[in-house]
């Protein structure tokens, strides 16, 4: 284990930037779809259930990516602490 911990180095190198980008894009997509659910045209066309399911699936993707990010961060921090 390292005698001194460089918190800045850990902050800069621990997060997998591409996965973080993916999570942000998924959240953005979820917000767009969620906003579309309020549109009268889509409600009248009977698409509310489909949109609700899409929002649910995007939420599940966010959870999955968040878990992977957490596991990755933990592994990177552990390797940096050696």
N, C-alpha and C. Protein backbone atom coordinates (compact mmCIF):
# COMPACT_ATOMS: atom_id res chain seq x y z
N UNK A 1 0.84 -1.18 0.00
CA UNK A 1 0.00 0.00 0.00
C UNK A 1 0.89 1.24 0.00
N UNK A 2 0.46 2.25 -0.76
CA UNK A 2 1.22 3.50 -0.83
C UNK A 2 1.20 4.20 0.52
N UNK A 3 2.31 4.86 0.82
CA UNK A 3 2.40 5.61 2.06
C UNK A 3 1.63 6.92 1.97
N UNK A 4 1.56 7.49 0.78
CA UNK A 4 0.87 8.76 0.60
C UNK A 4 -0.20 8.61 -0.50
N UNK A 5 -1.35 9.16 -0.23
CA UNK A 5 -2.46 9.07 -1.19
C UNK A 5 -2.61 10.40 -1.90
N UNK A 6 -2.60 10.36 -3.23
CA UNK A 6 -2.81 11.56 -4.03
C UNK A 6 -4.28 11.56 -4.48
N UNK A 7 -5.09 12.28 -3.72
CA UNK A 7 -6.53 12.30 -3.98
C UNK A 7 -6.84 12.83 -5.38
N UNK A 8 -6.14 13.85 -5.84
CA UNK A 8 -6.38 14.41 -7.17
C UNK A 8 -6.12 13.39 -8.26
N UNK A 9 -5.06 12.62 -8.12
CA UNK A 9 -4.76 11.59 -9.11
C UNK A 9 -5.87 10.54 -9.13
N UNK A 10 -6.33 10.15 -7.96
CA UNK A 10 -7.39 9.16 -7.88
C UNK A 10 -8.67 9.71 -8.50
N UNK A 11 -9.03 10.97 -8.19
CA UNK A 11 -10.23 11.56 -8.77
C UNK A 11 -10.14 11.63 -10.29
N UNK A 12 -8.98 11.97 -10.80
CA UNK A 12 -8.82 12.12 -12.25
C UNK A 12 -8.76 10.80 -12.99
N UNK A 13 -8.31 9.74 -12.34
CA UNK A 13 -8.09 8.47 -13.04
C UNK A 13 -9.05 7.35 -12.65
N UNK A 14 -9.86 7.53 -11.63
CA UNK A 14 -10.69 6.43 -11.14
C UNK A 14 -11.92 6.17 -12.00
N UNK A 15 -12.52 7.23 -12.52
CA UNK A 15 -13.78 7.05 -13.26
C UNK A 15 -13.49 6.72 -14.72
N UNK A 16 -14.20 5.75 -15.24
CA UNK A 16 -14.09 5.39 -16.66
C UNK A 16 -14.87 6.44 -17.44
N UNK A 17 -14.18 7.33 -18.14
CA UNK A 17 -14.82 8.48 -18.75
C UNK A 17 -15.84 8.12 -19.83
N UNK A 18 -15.59 7.06 -20.59
CA UNK A 18 -16.55 6.68 -21.63
C UNK A 18 -17.85 6.15 -21.04
N UNK A 19 -17.75 5.40 -19.95
CA UNK A 19 -18.97 4.92 -19.29
C UNK A 19 -19.73 6.07 -18.65
N UNK A 20 -19.00 7.03 -18.09
CA UNK A 20 -19.65 8.20 -17.52
C UNK A 20 -20.37 8.99 -18.61
N UNK A 21 -19.74 9.11 -19.77
CA UNK A 21 -20.37 9.78 -20.92
C UNK A 21 -21.63 9.03 -21.33
N UNK A 22 -21.57 7.71 -21.38
CA UNK A 22 -22.73 6.90 -21.74
C UNK A 22 -23.87 7.12 -20.75
N UNK A 23 -23.54 7.17 -19.46
CA UNK A 23 -24.57 7.38 -18.45
C UNK A 23 -25.24 8.75 -18.64
N UNK A 24 -24.45 9.76 -18.93
CA UNK A 24 -25.01 11.10 -19.15
C UNK A 24 -25.93 11.11 -20.37
N UNK A 25 -25.52 10.43 -21.45
CA UNK A 25 -26.34 10.38 -22.66
C UNK A 25 -27.64 9.60 -22.43
N UNK A 26 -27.56 8.52 -21.66
CA UNK A 26 -28.76 7.75 -21.33
C UNK A 26 -29.72 8.61 -20.51
N UNK A 27 -29.18 9.35 -19.54
CA UNK A 27 -30.03 10.23 -18.73
C UNK A 27 -30.68 11.30 -19.60
N UNK A 28 -29.91 11.85 -20.54
CA UNK A 28 -30.45 12.86 -21.45
C UNK A 28 -31.57 12.25 -22.29
N UNK A 29 -31.36 11.05 -22.81
CA UNK A 29 -32.39 10.39 -23.62
C UNK A 29 -33.64 10.13 -22.78
N UNK A 30 -33.45 9.69 -21.55
CA UNK A 30 -34.60 9.44 -20.67
C UNK A 30 -35.40 10.72 -20.44
N UNK A 31 -34.70 11.83 -20.24
CA UNK A 31 -35.39 13.10 -20.03
C UNK A 31 -36.17 13.53 -21.27
N UNK A 32 -35.61 13.29 -22.44
CA UNK A 32 -36.29 13.63 -23.69
C UNK A 32 -37.54 12.78 -23.86
N UNK A 33 -37.41 11.48 -23.66
CA UNK A 33 -38.56 10.59 -23.81
C UNK A 33 -39.61 10.92 -22.76
N UNK A 34 -39.18 11.16 -21.55
CA UNK A 34 -40.11 11.50 -20.47
C UNK A 34 -40.87 12.79 -20.81
N UNK A 35 -40.18 13.76 -21.36
CA UNK A 35 -40.83 15.00 -21.77
C UNK A 35 -41.82 14.78 -22.90
N UNK A 36 -41.50 13.86 -23.79
CA UNK A 36 -42.39 13.57 -24.92
C UNK A 36 -43.69 12.93 -24.45
N UNK A 37 -43.66 12.31 -23.28
CA UNK A 37 -44.86 11.66 -22.76
C UNK A 37 -45.98 12.65 -22.51
N UNK A 38 -45.63 13.91 -22.34
CA UNK A 38 -46.63 14.95 -22.07
C UNK A 38 -47.27 15.51 -23.34
N UNK A 39 -46.74 15.12 -24.50
CA UNK A 39 -47.27 15.66 -25.75
C UNK A 39 -48.61 15.02 -26.08
N UNK A 40 -49.58 15.87 -26.33
CA UNK A 40 -50.95 15.41 -26.62
C UNK A 40 -50.98 14.49 -27.84
N UNK A 41 -50.21 14.80 -28.86
CA UNK A 41 -50.21 13.98 -30.08
C UNK A 41 -49.85 12.53 -29.77
N UNK A 42 -48.84 12.33 -28.93
CA UNK A 42 -48.40 10.97 -28.60
C UNK A 42 -49.39 10.27 -27.67
N UNK A 43 -49.97 11.02 -26.75
CA UNK A 43 -50.99 10.43 -25.88
C UNK A 43 -52.20 10.01 -26.69
N UNK A 44 -52.62 10.89 -27.60
CA UNK A 44 -53.79 10.60 -28.43
C UNK A 44 -53.54 9.41 -29.36
N UNK A 45 -52.30 9.20 -29.74
CA UNK A 45 -51.96 8.07 -30.63
C UNK A 45 -51.82 6.76 -29.86
N UNK A 46 -52.02 6.83 -28.55
CA UNK A 46 -51.94 5.62 -27.73
C UNK A 46 -50.53 5.13 -27.48
N UNK A 47 -49.57 6.03 -27.50
CA UNK A 47 -48.17 5.64 -27.34
C UNK A 47 -47.62 5.86 -25.94
N UNK A 48 -48.47 6.27 -25.00
CA UNK A 48 -47.99 6.58 -23.66
C UNK A 48 -47.35 5.35 -23.02
N UNK A 49 -47.99 4.20 -23.12
CA UNK A 49 -47.45 2.97 -22.50
C UNK A 49 -46.08 2.60 -23.07
N UNK A 50 -45.95 2.76 -24.38
CA UNK A 50 -44.67 2.45 -25.03
C UNK A 50 -43.58 3.40 -24.54
N UNK A 51 -43.93 4.68 -24.43
CA UNK A 51 -42.96 5.67 -23.93
C UNK A 51 -42.61 5.40 -22.48
N UNK A 52 -43.60 5.03 -21.68
CA UNK A 52 -43.35 4.70 -20.27
C UNK A 52 -42.40 3.51 -20.15
N UNK A 53 -42.60 2.52 -21.00
CA UNK A 53 -41.70 1.35 -21.00
C UNK A 53 -40.28 1.75 -21.42
N UNK A 54 -40.18 2.65 -22.39
CA UNK A 54 -38.86 3.12 -22.82
C UNK A 54 -38.14 3.84 -21.68
N UNK A 55 -38.88 4.67 -20.94
CA UNK A 55 -38.29 5.38 -19.79
C UNK A 55 -37.81 4.37 -18.75
N UNK A 56 -38.61 3.36 -18.49
CA UNK A 56 -38.24 2.32 -17.52
C UNK A 56 -36.96 1.60 -17.96
N UNK A 57 -36.88 1.25 -19.24
CA UNK A 57 -35.68 0.57 -19.75
C UNK A 57 -34.46 1.46 -19.68
N UNK A 58 -34.63 2.76 -19.97
CA UNK A 58 -33.50 3.68 -19.86
C UNK A 58 -33.05 3.83 -18.41
N UNK A 59 -34.00 3.83 -17.48
CA UNK A 59 -33.65 3.85 -16.05
C UNK A 59 -32.85 2.61 -15.67
N UNK A 60 -33.26 1.45 -16.19
CA UNK A 60 -32.54 0.21 -15.91
C UNK A 60 -31.13 0.26 -16.48
N UNK A 61 -30.99 0.83 -17.68
CA UNK A 61 -29.65 0.98 -18.28
C UNK A 61 -28.77 1.87 -17.41
N UNK A 62 -29.35 2.95 -16.89
CA UNK A 62 -28.60 3.86 -16.02
C UNK A 62 -28.11 3.11 -14.79
N UNK A 63 -28.97 2.29 -14.21
CA UNK A 63 -28.57 1.51 -13.03
C UNK A 63 -27.45 0.54 -13.37
N UNK A 64 -27.56 -0.13 -14.51
CA UNK A 64 -26.53 -1.09 -14.92
C UNK A 64 -25.19 -0.39 -15.15
N UNK A 65 -25.22 0.72 -15.86
CA UNK A 65 -23.98 1.47 -16.12
C UNK A 65 -23.41 2.00 -14.81
N UNK A 66 -24.28 2.47 -13.92
CA UNK A 66 -23.81 2.96 -12.61
C UNK A 66 -23.11 1.87 -11.82
N UNK A 67 -23.66 0.66 -11.87
CA UNK A 67 -23.03 -0.47 -11.18
C UNK A 67 -21.65 -0.75 -11.78
N UNK A 68 -21.58 -0.79 -13.11
CA UNK A 68 -20.29 -1.06 -13.77
C UNK A 68 -19.28 0.04 -13.44
N UNK A 69 -19.73 1.28 -13.42
CA UNK A 69 -18.83 2.39 -13.05
C UNK A 69 -18.32 2.19 -11.63
N UNK A 70 -19.21 1.82 -10.73
CA UNK A 70 -18.81 1.60 -9.33
C UNK A 70 -17.77 0.50 -9.19
N UNK A 71 -17.98 -0.60 -9.89
CA UNK A 71 -17.02 -1.71 -9.84
C UNK A 71 -15.68 -1.27 -10.43
N UNK A 72 -15.74 -0.53 -11.54
CA UNK A 72 -14.52 -0.06 -12.19
C UNK A 72 -13.76 0.91 -11.30
N UNK A 73 -14.49 1.85 -10.69
CA UNK A 73 -13.84 2.82 -9.80
C UNK A 73 -13.17 2.09 -8.64
N UNK A 74 -13.88 1.14 -8.06
CA UNK A 74 -13.32 0.40 -6.93
C UNK A 74 -12.02 -0.31 -7.34
N UNK A 75 -12.04 -0.98 -8.49
CA UNK A 75 -10.84 -1.67 -8.96
C UNK A 75 -9.69 -0.72 -9.24
N UNK A 76 -10.00 0.42 -9.87
CA UNK A 76 -8.94 1.39 -10.18
C UNK A 76 -8.36 2.00 -8.91
N UNK A 77 -9.22 2.33 -7.96
CA UNK A 77 -8.72 2.91 -6.71
C UNK A 77 -7.85 1.89 -5.99
N UNK A 78 -8.27 0.66 -5.93
CA UNK A 78 -7.47 -0.37 -5.27
C UNK A 78 -6.12 -0.53 -5.93
N UNK A 79 -6.08 -0.51 -7.27
CA UNK A 79 -4.79 -0.66 -7.94
C UNK A 79 -3.90 0.57 -7.76
N UNK A 80 -4.50 1.74 -7.64
CA UNK A 80 -3.70 2.96 -7.42
C UNK A 80 -3.16 3.04 -5.99
N UNK A 81 -3.83 2.34 -5.07
CA UNK A 81 -3.41 2.37 -3.67
C UNK A 81 -2.27 1.40 -3.40
N UNK A 82 -1.94 0.53 -4.34
CA UNK A 82 -0.87 -0.45 -4.11
C UNK A 82 0.48 0.17 -4.27
